[in-house]
Amino acid sequence: MDAVNVAAWESLHKATLELAKSSGLKQRLAEAWSRHLERLSGAELPVDLRQDFESLRLAMTSVRPFKGESAVAATVRKMSMGEADACAARIVALLDALHRSSARAPARANGHAPPRPVVAAESPTVRIPTLISVNRA
């Protein structure tokens, strides 16, 4: 995975961890976007994921905010629970797509292939995949 994809992967990974917390869905969604994805540029993603990310950005910032409120907060406040759920699912799907595209990428210049995800059927014991982290900082 190149440096650009690493930055995007970290942002999407942290946003996904934010979505897994126990607060309300809309609060988790707004915080995931504001803390981890707002500053992510589509240029940091592979070309095939950029349109999906920019579409999500539009979905997360489409409502004009009140004074002192961010566009994300205003948009999430106006979302139905179904819309919020769909946006959260899109964040997770983007992380998955980025992970899968890096697993399919050709070997790097140093001759090493990118890390391959662990598949439960390949292992006698089920393990938490390496992309999961308990560090929520």
C-alpha atoms as a PDB file:
ATOM      1  CA  MET A   1       0.000   0.000   0.000  1.00  0.00           C
ATOM      2  CA  ASP A   2       1.538   3.326  -0.947  1.00  0.00           C
ATOM      3  CA  ALA A   3       1.773   6.319   1.383  1.00  0.00           C
ATOM      4  CA  VAL A   4      -1.345   7.935  -0.075  1.00  0.00           C
ATOM      5  CA  ASN A   5      -3.461   4.834   0.491  1.00  0.00           C
ATOM      6  CA  VAL A   6      -2.028   4.418   3.997  1.00  0.00           C
ATOM      7  CA  ALA A   7      -3.321   7.867   4.982  1.00  0.00           C
ATOM      8  CA  ALA A   8      -6.742   7.112   3.515  1.00  0.00           C
ATOM      9  CA  TRP A   9      -6.810   3.674   5.142  1.00  0.00           C
ATOM     10  CA  GLU A  10      -5.946   5.162   8.545  1.00  0.00           C
ATOM     11  CA  SER A  11      -8.684   7.783   8.238  1.00  0.00           C
ATOM     12  CA  LEU A  12     -11.327   5.271   7.158  1.00  0.00           C
ATOM     13  CA  HIS A  13     -10.193   2.771   9.798  1.00  0.00           C
ATOM     14  CA  LYS A  14     -10.440   5.354  12.591  1.00  0.00           C
ATOM     15  CA  ALA A  15     -13.835   6.494  11.297  1.00  0.00           C
ATOM     16  CA  THR A  16     -15.052   2.897  11.325  1.00  0.00           C
ATOM     17  CA  LEU A  17     -13.857   2.471  14.910  1.00  0.00           C
ATOM     18  CA  GLU A  18     -15.720   5.675  15.797  1.00  0.00           C
ATOM     19  CA  LEU A  19     -18.871   4.157  14.286  1.00  0.00           C
ATOM     20  CA  ALA A  20     -18.467   1.096  16.534  1.00  0.00           C
ATOM     21  CA  LYS A  21     -18.786   3.086  19.761  1.00  0.00           C
ATOM     22  CA  SER A  22     -21.895   2.902  21.925  1.00  0.00           C
ATOM     23  CA  SER A  23     -23.341   6.417  21.493  1.00  0.00           C
ATOM     24  CA  GLY A  24     -26.251   7.178  19.184  1.00  0.00           C
ATOM     25  CA  LEU A  25     -25.807   6.531  15.460  1.00  0.00           C
ATOM     26  CA  LYS A  26     -26.104  10.155  14.379  1.00  0.00           C
ATOM     27  CA  GLN A  27     -23.585  11.285  16.996  1.00  0.00           C
ATOM     28  CA  ARG A  28     -21.152   8.519  15.972  1.00  0.00           C
ATOM     29  CA  LEU A  29     -21.573   9.368  12.289  1.00  0.00           C
ATOM     30  CA  ALA A  30     -20.989  13.095  12.803  1.00  0.00           C
ATOM     31  CA  GLU A  31     -17.922  12.425  14.943  1.00  0.00           C
ATOM     32  CA  ALA A  32     -16.523   9.822  12.540  1.00  0.00           C
ATOM     33  CA  TRP A  33     -16.759  12.293   9.672  1.00  0.00           C
ATOM     34  CA  SER A  34     -15.592  15.370  11.587  1.00  0.00           C
ATOM     35  CA  ARG A  35     -12.692  13.699  13.381  1.00  0.00           C
ATOM     36  CA  HIS A  36     -11.385  11.403  10.683  1.00  0.00           C
ATOM     37  CA  LEU A  37     -12.763  12.041   7.196  1.00  0.00           C
ATOM     38  CA  GLU A  38     -13.455  15.744   6.808  1.00  0.00           C
ATOM     39  CA  ARG A  39      -9.851  16.525   5.871  1.00  0.00           C
ATOM     40  CA  LEU A  40      -9.380  13.438   3.713  1.00  0.00           C
ATOM     41  CA  SER A  41      -8.967  14.366   0.069  1.00  0.00           C
ATOM     42  CA  GLY A  42     -10.391  12.188  -2.664  1.00  0.00           C
ATOM     43  CA  ALA A  43      -6.936  12.347  -4.251  1.00  0.00           C
ATOM     44  CA  GLU A  44      -5.660  10.226  -1.346  1.00  0.00           C
ATOM     45  CA  LEU A  45      -7.874   7.346  -2.471  1.00  0.00           C
ATOM     46  CA  PRO A  46      -7.452   5.040  -5.452  1.00  0.00           C
ATOM     47  CA  VAL A  47      -9.124   6.412  -8.564  1.00  0.00           C
ATOM     48  CA  ASP A  48     -11.922   3.824  -8.475  1.00  0.00           C
ATOM     49  CA  LEU A  49     -13.027   4.954  -4.975  1.00  0.00           C
ATOM     50  CA  ARG A  50     -12.862   8.726  -5.423  1.00  0.00           C
ATOM     51  CA  GLN A  51     -16.349   9.215  -6.841  1.00  0.00           C
ATOM     52  CA  ASP A  52     -17.909   7.154  -4.042  1.00  0.00           C
ATOM     53  CA  PHE A  53     -16.033   9.177  -1.427  1.00  0.00           C
ATOM     54  CA  GLU A  54     -16.990  12.515  -2.978  1.00  0.00           C
ATOM     55  CA  SER A  55     -20.611  11.363  -3.167  1.00  0.00           C
ATOM     56  CA  LEU A  56     -20.438  10.541   0.543  1.00  0.00           C
ATOM     57  CA  ARG A  57     -18.856  13.945   1.242  1.00  0.00           C
ATOM     58  CA  LEU A  58     -21.813  15.619  -0.501  1.00  0.00           C
ATOM     59  CA  ALA A  59     -24.271  13.472   1.471  1.00  0.00           C
ATOM     60  CA  MET A  60     -22.536  14.480   4.724  1.00  0.00           C
ATOM     61  CA  THR A  61     -22.435  18.240   4.037  1.00  0.00           C
ATOM     62  CA  SER A  62     -25.562  19.047   2.006  1.00  0.00           C
ATOM     63  CA  VAL A  63     -27.514  21.068   4.603  1.00  0.00           C
ATOM     64  CA  ARG A  64     -26.790  24.721   5.267  1.00  0.00           C
ATOM     65  CA  PRO A  65     -25.817  25.052   8.938  1.00  0.00           C
ATOM     66  CA  PHE A  66     -27.179  27.410  11.563  1.00  0.00           C
ATOM     67  CA  LYS A  67     -24.780  29.996  12.967  1.00  0.00           C
ATOM     68  CA  GLY A  68     -22.104  28.212  14.997  1.00  0.00           C
ATOM     69  CA  GLU A  69     -22.987  24.793  13.564  1.00  0.00           C
ATOM     70  CA  SER A  70     -20.968  22.823  11.020  1.00  0.00           C
ATOM     71  CA  ALA A  71     -22.430  21.608   7.746  1.00  0.00           C
ATOM     72  CA  VAL A  72     -21.856  18.040   8.941  1.00  0.00           C
ATOM     73  CA  ALA A  73     -23.761  18.612  12.181  1.00  0.00           C
ATOM     74  CA  ALA A  74     -26.622  20.269  10.296  1.00  0.00           C
ATOM     75  CA  THR A  75     -26.787  17.537   7.685  1.00  0.00           C
ATOM     76  CA  VAL A  76     -26.682  14.665  10.170  1.00  0.00           C
ATOM     77  CA  ARG A  77     -29.310  16.398  12.337  1.00  0.00           C
ATOM     78  CA  LYS A  78     -31.669  16.484   9.329  1.00  0.00           C
ATOM     79  CA  MET A  79     -30.981  12.880   8.245  1.00  0.00           C
ATOM     80  CA  SER A  80     -33.464  10.104   8.837  1.00  0.00           C
ATOM     81  CA  MET A  81     -32.123   7.111  10.735  1.00  0.00           C
ATOM     82  CA  GLY A  82     -32.106   5.193   7.450  1.00  0.00           C
ATOM     83  CA  GLU A  83     -29.997   7.875   5.757  1.00  0.00           C
ATOM     84  CA  ALA A  84     -27.571   7.934   8.697  1.00  0.00           C
ATOM     85  CA  ASP A  85     -27.344   4.159   8.605  1.00  0.00           C
ATOM     86  CA  ALA A  86     -26.634   4.233   4.859  1.00  0.00           C
ATOM     87  CA  CYS A  87     -23.848   6.819   5.305  1.00  0.00           C
ATOM     88  CA  ALA A  88     -22.269   4.784   8.097  1.00  0.00           C
ATOM     89  CA  ALA A  89     -22.425   1.671   5.926  1.00  0.00           C
ATOM     90  CA  ARG A  90     -20.764   3.583   3.069  1.00  0.00           C
ATOM     91  CA  ILE A  91     -17.834   4.503   5.326  1.00  0.00           C
ATOM     92  CA  VAL A  92     -17.335   0.860   6.256  1.00  0.00           C
ATOM     93  CA  ALA A  93     -17.728  -0.189   2.603  1.00  0.00           C
ATOM     94  CA  LEU A  94     -15.053   2.329   1.547  1.00  0.00           C
ATOM     95  CA  LEU A  95     -12.634   0.890   4.119  1.00  0.00           C
ATOM     96  CA  ASP A  96     -13.403  -2.605   2.865  1.00  0.00           C
ATOM     97  CA  ALA A  97     -12.947  -1.590  -0.785  1.00  0.00           C
ATOM     98  CA  LEU A  98      -9.656   0.131   0.002  1.00  0.00           C
ATOM     99  CA  HIS A  99      -8.429  -2.924   1.893  1.00  0.00           C
ATOM    100  CA  ARG A 100      -9.461  -5.252  -0.932  1.00  0.00           C
ATOM    101  CA  SER A 101      -7.868  -3.065  -3.607  1.00  0.00           C
ATOM    102  CA  SER A 102      -4.587  -3.027  -1.690  1.00  0.00           C
ATOM    103  CA  ALA A 103      -4.718  -6.822  -1.339  1.00  0.00           C
ATOM    104  CA  ARG A 104      -5.112  -7.139  -5.123  1.00  0.00           C
ATOM    105  CA  ALA A 105      -2.364  -4.632  -5.898  1.00  0.00           C
ATOM    106  CA  PRO A 106       0.745  -5.936  -7.643  1.00  0.00           C
ATOM    107  CA  ALA A 107       3.976  -6.475  -5.741  1.00  0.00           C
ATOM    108  CA  ARG A 108       5.748  -3.325  -4.607  1.00  0.00           C
ATOM    109  CA  ALA A 109       9.028  -2.159  -6.033  1.00  0.00           C
ATOM    110  CA  ASN A 110      10.880  -3.851  -3.161  1.00  0.00           C
ATOM    111  CA  GLY A 111       9.469  -7.186  -4.314  1.00  0.00           C
ATOM    112  CA  HIS A 112       7.087  -7.692  -1.414  1.00  0.00           C
ATOM    113  CA  ALA A 113       3.394  -8.092  -2.000  1.00  0.00           C
ATOM    114  CA  PRO A 114       0.958  -6.007   0.051  1.00  0.00           C
ATOM    115  CA  PRO A 115      -0.444  -7.698   3.155  1.00  0.00           C
ATOM    116  CA  ARG A 116      -3.165 -10.218   2.459  1.00  0.00           C
ATOM    117  CA  PRO A 117      -6.197 -10.388   4.767  1.00  0.00           C
ATOM    118  CA  VAL A 118      -6.512 -13.454   6.983  1.00  0.00           C
ATOM    119  CA  VAL A 119      -9.377 -15.671   5.885  1.00  0.00           C
ATOM    120  CA  ALA A 120     -10.968 -17.808   8.594  1.00  0.00           C
ATOM    121  CA  ALA A 121     -11.135 -20.874   6.329  1.00  0.00           C
ATOM    122  CA  GLU A 122      -7.333 -20.768   5.968  1.00  0.00           C
ATOM    123  CA  SER A 123      -6.738 -20.915   9.701  1.00  0.00           C
ATOM    124  CA  PRO A 124      -7.802 -23.596  12.181  1.00  0.00           C
ATOM    125  CA  THR A 125      -8.707 -20.890  14.705  1.00  0.00           C
ATOM    126  CA  VAL A 126     -10.673 -17.742  13.936  1.00  0.00           C
ATOM    127  CA  ARG A 127      -8.642 -14.612  14.657  1.00  0.00           C
ATOM    128  CA  ILE A 128      -9.424 -10.938  14.616  1.00  0.00           C
ATOM    129  CA  PRO A 129      -8.100  -9.600  11.289  1.00  0.00           C
ATOM    130  CA  THR A 130      -5.045  -7.377  11.562  1.00  0.00           C
ATOM    131  CA  LEU A 131      -7.005  -4.352  10.343  1.00  0.00           C
ATOM    132  CA  ILE A 132      -8.915  -4.243  13.631  1.00  0.00           C
ATOM    133  CA  SER A 133      -7.353  -2.200  16.396  1.00  0.00           C
ATOM    134  CA  VAL A 134      -8.473  -1.561  19.937  1.00  0.00           C
ATOM    135  CA  ASN A 135      -6.623   1.768  20.041  1.00  0.00           C
ATOM    136  CA  ARG A 136      -9.341   4.377  19.624  1.00  0.00           C
ATOM    137  CA  ALA A 137      -7.112   7.425  20.026  1.00  0.00           C
END
